[in-house]
Amino acid sequence: MSGWVLFEVVAALTLVHTHIFVAGYFLTASLIGADPNRHRASIVVRSAGLVVFMTAHSVLIRWLYAHPPTGVEAADAETGAQLMYFGGNVVDITLIILLLAGWHRSTRPRESP
């Protein structure tokens, strides 16, 4: 592999990883951000967004499992899809718990002094 091709591969991988990190950060911040936000979407809108995200992620995983990208061995694609599936479930459950915990905290009755 020539130096230029290697540079392009590294640049592409860096771009993909940066995209995944930034998208994940903004998704998490919009769903369960700790900062008080007067204009935050309702729990229904945020829950619907989480369901859409989980559905899209699930479809992507199944697609990658069944149709490996060009240049990726089938066994490697299957392993990667399984890692995304099981790791994604952990992330999904954590986001659901944190979203509902925040909703519970914001709707419980206030204690009077």
N, C-alpha and C. Protein backbone atom coordinates (compact mmCIF):
# COMPACT_ATOMS: atom_id res chain seq x y z
N MET A 1 0.85 -1.17 0.00
CA MET A 1 0.00 0.00 0.00
C MET A 1 0.90 1.23 0.00
N SER A 2 0.64 2.14 -0.90
CA SER A 2 1.47 3.34 -0.97
C SER A 2 1.15 4.29 0.17
N GLY A 3 2.04 5.23 0.39
CA GLY A 3 1.86 6.19 1.48
C GLY A 3 0.62 7.03 1.33
N TRP A 4 0.32 7.44 0.07
CA TRP A 4 -0.85 8.29 -0.15
C TRP A 4 -2.15 7.54 0.15
N VAL A 5 -2.24 6.29 -0.28
CA VAL A 5 -3.43 5.49 -0.03
C VAL A 5 -3.61 5.27 1.48
N LEU A 6 -2.51 4.99 2.16
CA LEU A 6 -2.57 4.81 3.61
C LEU A 6 -3.06 6.09 4.30
N PHE A 7 -2.56 7.23 3.83
CA PHE A 7 -3.01 8.51 4.37
C PHE A 7 -4.51 8.70 4.17
N GLU A 8 -5.02 8.36 2.99
CA GLU A 8 -6.44 8.49 2.71
C GLU A 8 -7.27 7.59 3.62
N VAL A 9 -6.80 6.37 3.84
CA VAL A 9 -7.52 5.43 4.71
C VAL A 9 -7.56 5.96 6.14
N VAL A 10 -6.43 6.42 6.63
CA VAL A 10 -6.37 6.96 8.00
C VAL A 10 -7.25 8.20 8.11
N ALA A 11 -7.23 9.06 7.12
CA ALA A 11 -8.07 10.26 7.15
C ALA A 11 -9.55 9.89 7.15
N ALA A 12 -9.92 8.92 6.34
CA ALA A 12 -11.32 8.49 6.28
C ALA A 12 -11.76 7.88 7.62
N LEU A 13 -10.91 7.04 8.19
CA LEU A 13 -11.25 6.44 9.48
C LEU A 13 -11.35 7.49 10.58
N THR A 14 -10.46 8.46 10.56
CA THR A 14 -10.51 9.54 11.54
C THR A 14 -11.81 10.33 11.39
N LEU A 15 -12.21 10.60 10.17
CA LEU A 15 -13.45 11.32 9.91
C LEU A 15 -14.65 10.52 10.40
N VAL A 16 -14.67 9.23 10.14
CA VAL A 16 -15.78 8.38 10.57
C VAL A 16 -15.86 8.34 12.10
N HIS A 17 -14.72 8.14 12.76
CA HIS A 17 -14.72 8.08 14.22
C HIS A 17 -15.13 9.43 14.84
N THR A 18 -14.67 10.50 14.25
CA THR A 18 -15.06 11.82 14.74
C THR A 18 -16.56 12.04 14.58
N HIS A 19 -17.10 11.65 13.44
CA HIS A 19 -18.54 11.77 13.20
C HIS A 19 -19.34 10.97 14.24
N ILE A 20 -18.92 9.75 14.49
CA ILE A 20 -19.63 8.89 15.45
C ILE A 20 -19.58 9.50 16.85
N PHE A 21 -18.41 9.99 17.25
CA PHE A 21 -18.28 10.59 18.57
C PHE A 21 -19.15 11.84 18.71
N VAL A 22 -19.08 12.74 17.73
CA VAL A 22 -19.84 13.98 17.81
C VAL A 22 -21.35 13.71 17.76
N ALA A 23 -21.78 12.82 16.88
CA ALA A 23 -23.21 12.49 16.79
C ALA A 23 -23.70 11.87 18.10
N GLY A 24 -22.91 10.97 18.66
CA GLY A 24 -23.28 10.34 19.93
C GLY A 24 -23.35 11.35 21.06
N TYR A 25 -22.40 12.28 21.08
CA TYR A 25 -22.39 13.31 22.12
C TYR A 25 -23.64 14.18 22.04
N PHE A 26 -23.96 14.66 20.85
CA PHE A 26 -25.13 15.53 20.71
C PHE A 26 -26.43 14.79 20.96
N LEU A 27 -26.51 13.53 20.55
CA LEU A 27 -27.71 12.74 20.84
C LEU A 27 -27.89 12.60 22.35
N THR A 28 -26.82 12.22 23.03
CA THR A 28 -26.90 12.03 24.48
C THR A 28 -27.20 13.34 25.19
N ALA A 29 -26.55 14.42 24.79
CA ALA A 29 -26.79 15.71 25.43
C ALA A 29 -28.23 16.18 25.22
N SER A 30 -28.79 15.93 24.05
CA SER A 30 -30.17 16.36 23.79
C SER A 30 -31.18 15.51 24.54
N LEU A 31 -30.86 14.25 24.78
CA LEU A 31 -31.79 13.37 25.48
C LEU A 31 -31.72 13.52 26.99
N ILE A 32 -30.51 13.52 27.53
CA ILE A 32 -30.36 13.45 28.99
C ILE A 32 -29.41 14.49 29.54
N GLY A 33 -29.20 15.58 28.82
CA GLY A 33 -28.26 16.59 29.27
C GLY A 33 -28.52 17.02 30.70
N ALA A 34 -27.45 17.24 31.46
CA ALA A 34 -27.57 17.60 32.87
C ALA A 34 -27.87 19.08 33.07
N ASP A 35 -27.55 19.91 32.11
CA ASP A 35 -27.78 21.33 32.25
C ASP A 35 -29.27 21.65 32.17
N PRO A 36 -29.75 22.53 33.06
CA PRO A 36 -31.16 22.92 32.95
C PRO A 36 -31.38 23.68 31.65
N ASN A 37 -32.44 23.36 30.99
CA ASN A 37 -32.72 23.95 29.69
C ASN A 37 -34.20 24.32 29.64
N ARG A 38 -34.48 25.59 29.55
CA ARG A 38 -35.89 26.03 29.53
C ARG A 38 -36.62 25.60 28.27
N HIS A 39 -35.88 25.38 27.20
CA HIS A 39 -36.51 25.06 25.92
C HIS A 39 -36.31 23.60 25.54
N ARG A 40 -36.05 22.76 26.52
CA ARG A 40 -35.85 21.33 26.24
C ARG A 40 -37.16 20.73 25.74
N ALA A 41 -37.03 19.82 24.81
CA ALA A 41 -38.21 19.15 24.28
C ALA A 41 -38.87 18.31 25.37
N SER A 42 -40.15 18.02 25.19
CA SER A 42 -40.88 17.24 26.18
C SER A 42 -40.35 15.82 26.24
N ILE A 43 -40.73 15.12 27.30
CA ILE A 43 -40.30 13.73 27.46
C ILE A 43 -40.82 12.87 26.31
N VAL A 44 -41.99 13.20 25.79
CA VAL A 44 -42.55 12.43 24.67
C VAL A 44 -41.68 12.59 23.42
N VAL A 45 -41.28 13.81 23.13
CA VAL A 45 -40.44 14.07 21.94
C VAL A 45 -39.08 13.41 22.12
N ARG A 46 -38.48 13.55 23.30
CA ARG A 46 -37.16 12.94 23.52
C ARG A 46 -37.25 11.42 23.49
N SER A 47 -38.32 10.85 24.03
CA SER A 47 -38.49 9.39 23.99
C SER A 47 -38.69 8.91 22.55
N ALA A 48 -39.46 9.66 21.78
CA ALA A 48 -39.66 9.30 20.37
C ALA A 48 -38.34 9.37 19.61
N GLY A 49 -37.54 10.38 19.90
CA GLY A 49 -36.22 10.48 19.28
C GLY A 49 -35.34 9.29 19.63
N LEU A 50 -35.40 8.85 20.87
CA LEU A 50 -34.62 7.69 21.30
C LEU A 50 -35.10 6.43 20.59
N VAL A 51 -36.40 6.27 20.44
CA VAL A 51 -36.94 5.10 19.75
C VAL A 51 -36.51 5.11 18.27
N VAL A 52 -36.55 6.27 17.64
CA VAL A 52 -36.12 6.37 16.24
C VAL A 52 -34.63 6.04 16.13
N PHE A 53 -33.82 6.56 17.04
CA PHE A 53 -32.39 6.26 17.04
C PHE A 53 -32.15 4.76 17.22
N MET A 54 -32.83 4.15 18.17
CA MET A 54 -32.63 2.71 18.43
C MET A 54 -33.06 1.89 17.22
N THR A 55 -34.14 2.28 16.57
CA THR A 55 -34.61 1.57 15.39
C THR A 55 -33.62 1.69 14.23
N ALA A 56 -33.14 2.90 13.99
CA ALA A 56 -32.18 3.12 12.90
C ALA A 56 -30.89 2.35 13.17
N HIS A 57 -30.45 2.34 14.41
CA HIS A 57 -29.23 1.62 14.78
C HIS A 57 -29.42 0.12 14.56
N SER A 58 -30.58 -0.39 14.92
CA SER A 58 -30.88 -1.81 14.75
C SER A 58 -30.91 -2.20 13.27
N VAL A 59 -31.51 -1.36 12.44
CA VAL A 59 -31.56 -1.62 11.00
C VAL A 59 -30.15 -1.60 10.42
N LEU A 60 -29.34 -0.62 10.81
CA LEU A 60 -27.96 -0.54 10.33
C LEU A 60 -27.17 -1.79 10.71
N ILE A 61 -27.32 -2.25 11.93
CA ILE A 61 -26.60 -3.44 12.38
C ILE A 61 -26.98 -4.64 11.53
N ARG A 62 -28.26 -4.83 11.32
CA ARG A 62 -28.70 -5.98 10.53
C ARG A 62 -28.23 -5.88 9.07
N TRP A 63 -28.21 -4.66 8.55
CA TRP A 63 -27.75 -4.46 7.18
C TRP A 63 -26.26 -4.78 7.07
N LEU A 64 -25.47 -4.30 8.01
CA LEU A 64 -24.03 -4.59 7.98
C LEU A 64 -23.74 -6.07 8.16
N TYR A 65 -24.55 -6.73 8.96
CA TYR A 65 -24.37 -8.17 9.17
C TYR A 65 -24.66 -8.95 7.88
N ALA A 66 -25.72 -8.56 7.20
CA ALA A 66 -26.13 -9.28 5.99
C ALA A 66 -25.37 -8.84 4.75
N HIS A 67 -24.94 -7.59 4.70
CA HIS A 67 -24.26 -7.04 3.52
C HIS A 67 -22.98 -6.34 3.94
N PRO A 68 -21.90 -7.08 4.11
CA PRO A 68 -20.64 -6.44 4.53
C PRO A 68 -20.19 -5.39 3.51
N PRO A 69 -19.60 -4.29 3.99
CA PRO A 69 -19.10 -3.28 3.06
C PRO A 69 -18.00 -3.85 2.16
N THR A 70 -17.79 -3.22 1.03
CA THR A 70 -16.76 -3.66 0.10
C THR A 70 -15.40 -3.62 0.79
N GLY A 71 -14.67 -4.71 0.64
CA GLY A 71 -13.34 -4.80 1.23
C GLY A 71 -13.30 -5.32 2.64
N VAL A 72 -14.46 -5.66 3.20
CA VAL A 72 -14.52 -6.18 4.57
C VAL A 72 -14.92 -7.65 4.49
N GLU A 73 -14.14 -8.48 5.14
CA GLU A 73 -14.44 -9.92 5.18
C GLU A 73 -15.80 -10.13 5.85
N ALA A 74 -16.53 -11.15 5.43
CA ALA A 74 -17.85 -11.44 6.00
C ALA A 74 -17.75 -11.72 7.50
N ALA A 75 -16.73 -12.47 7.91
CA ALA A 75 -16.56 -12.80 9.33
C ALA A 75 -16.29 -11.53 10.15
N ASP A 76 -15.49 -10.61 9.60
CA ASP A 76 -15.21 -9.36 10.30
C ASP A 76 -16.46 -8.49 10.41
N ALA A 77 -17.26 -8.46 9.35
CA ALA A 77 -18.50 -7.69 9.37
C ALA A 77 -19.48 -8.27 10.39
N GLU A 78 -19.55 -9.58 10.44
CA GLU A 78 -20.44 -10.22 11.42
C GLU A 78 -19.99 -9.92 12.84
N THR A 79 -18.69 -10.01 13.09
CA THR A 79 -18.17 -9.70 14.43
C THR A 79 -18.44 -8.26 14.79
N GLY A 80 -18.20 -7.34 13.86
CA GLY A 80 -18.46 -5.93 14.11
C GLY A 80 -19.93 -5.66 14.36
N ALA A 81 -20.80 -6.29 13.58
CA ALA A 81 -22.25 -6.11 13.76
C ALA A 81 -22.70 -6.66 15.11
N GLN A 82 -22.14 -7.79 15.52
CA GLN A 82 -22.50 -8.34 16.83
C GLN A 82 -22.02 -7.43 17.96
N LEU A 83 -20.83 -6.87 17.81
CA LEU A 83 -20.33 -5.92 18.80
C LEU A 83 -21.23 -4.69 18.87
N MET A 84 -21.65 -4.18 17.70
CA MET A 84 -22.57 -3.04 17.68
C MET A 84 -23.90 -3.41 18.32
N TYR A 85 -24.37 -4.62 18.08
CA TYR A 85 -25.67 -5.05 18.61
C TYR A 85 -25.63 -5.13 20.14
N PHE A 86 -24.68 -5.89 20.67
CA PHE A 86 -24.65 -6.08 22.12
C PHE A 86 -24.17 -4.84 22.85
N GLY A 87 -23.17 -4.15 22.31
CA GLY A 87 -22.72 -2.90 22.91
C GLY A 87 -23.79 -1.83 22.82
N GLY A 88 -24.50 -1.81 21.70
CA GLY A 88 -25.58 -0.85 21.52
C GLY A 88 -26.72 -1.07 22.49
N ASN A 89 -26.99 -2.33 22.82
CA ASN A 89 -28.05 -2.62 23.80
C ASN A 89 -27.70 -2.04 25.16
N VAL A 90 -26.44 -2.15 25.54
CA VAL A 90 -26.01 -1.58 26.82
C VAL A 90 -26.20 -0.07 26.81
N VAL A 91 -25.80 0.58 25.72
CA VAL A 91 -25.96 2.02 25.60
C VAL A 91 -27.44 2.40 25.59
N ASP A 92 -28.27 1.67 24.85
CA ASP A 92 -29.70 1.95 24.79
C ASP A 92 -30.35 1.85 26.16
N ILE A 93 -30.06 0.80 26.88
CA ILE A 93 -30.65 0.61 28.22
C ILE A 93 -30.20 1.73 29.15
N THR A 94 -28.92 2.09 29.08
CA THR A 94 -28.41 3.17 29.92
C THR A 94 -29.12 4.48 29.59
N LEU A 95 -29.29 4.79 28.31
CA LEU A 95 -29.99 6.02 27.92
C LEU A 95 -31.44 6.01 28.38
N ILE A 96 -32.11 4.88 28.26
CA ILE A 96 -33.50 4.78 28.72
C ILE A 96 -33.59 5.05 30.21
N ILE A 97 -32.71 4.41 30.98
CA ILE A 97 -32.72 4.59 32.45
C ILE A 97 -32.47 6.05 32.81
N LEU A 98 -31.45 6.66 32.19
CA LEU A 98 -31.14 8.06 32.51
C LEU A 98 -32.23 9.02 32.07
N LEU A 99 -32.85 8.75 30.93
CA LEU A 99 -33.95 9.59 30.45
C LEU A 99 -35.14 9.52 31.42
N LEU A 100 -35.50 8.32 31.80
CA LEU A 100 -36.64 8.17 32.71
C LEU A 100 -36.32 8.65 34.12
N ALA A 101 -35.08 8.50 34.56
CA ALA A 101 -34.70 9.02 35.89
C ALA A 101 -34.80 10.54 35.90
N GLY A 102 -34.35 11.19 34.82
CA GLY A 102 -34.48 12.65 34.73
C GLY A 102 -35.93 13.09 34.70
N TRP A 103 -36.75 12.36 34.00
CA TRP A 103 -38.18 12.69 33.95
C TRP A 103 -38.80 12.51 35.32
N HIS A 104 -38.44 11.44 36.01
CA HIS A 104 -38.97 11.19 37.36
C HIS A 104 -38.56 12.31 38.31
N ARG A 105 -37.30 12.72 38.24
CA ARG A 105 -36.80 13.80 39.10
C ARG A 105 -37.54 15.10 38.83
N SER A 106 -37.85 15.37 37.57
CA SER A 106 -38.48 16.66 37.24
C SER A 106 -39.98 16.68 37.55
N THR A 107 -40.61 15.53 37.71
CA THR A 107 -42.06 15.50 37.94
C THR A 107 -42.45 15.15 39.36
N ARG A 108 -41.49 14.76 40.18
CA ARG A 108 -41.87 14.42 41.57
C ARG A 108 -42.23 15.69 42.32
N PRO A 109 -43.10 15.54 43.30
CA PRO A 109 -43.51 16.72 44.09
C PRO A 109 -42.32 17.31 44.85
N ARG A 110 -42.30 18.62 44.93
CA ARG A 110 -41.25 19.31 45.67
C ARG A 110 -41.54 19.25 47.16
N GLU A 111 -40.48 19.08 47.93
CA GLU A 111 -40.65 19.08 49.39
C GLU A 111 -40.71 20.51 49.86
N SER A 112 -41.66 20.80 50.75
CA SER A 112 -41.77 22.17 51.28
C SER A 112 -40.83 22.30 52.48
N PRO A 113 -40.20 23.46 52.60
CA PRO A 113 -39.21 23.66 53.68
C PRO A 113 -39.81 23.74 55.05
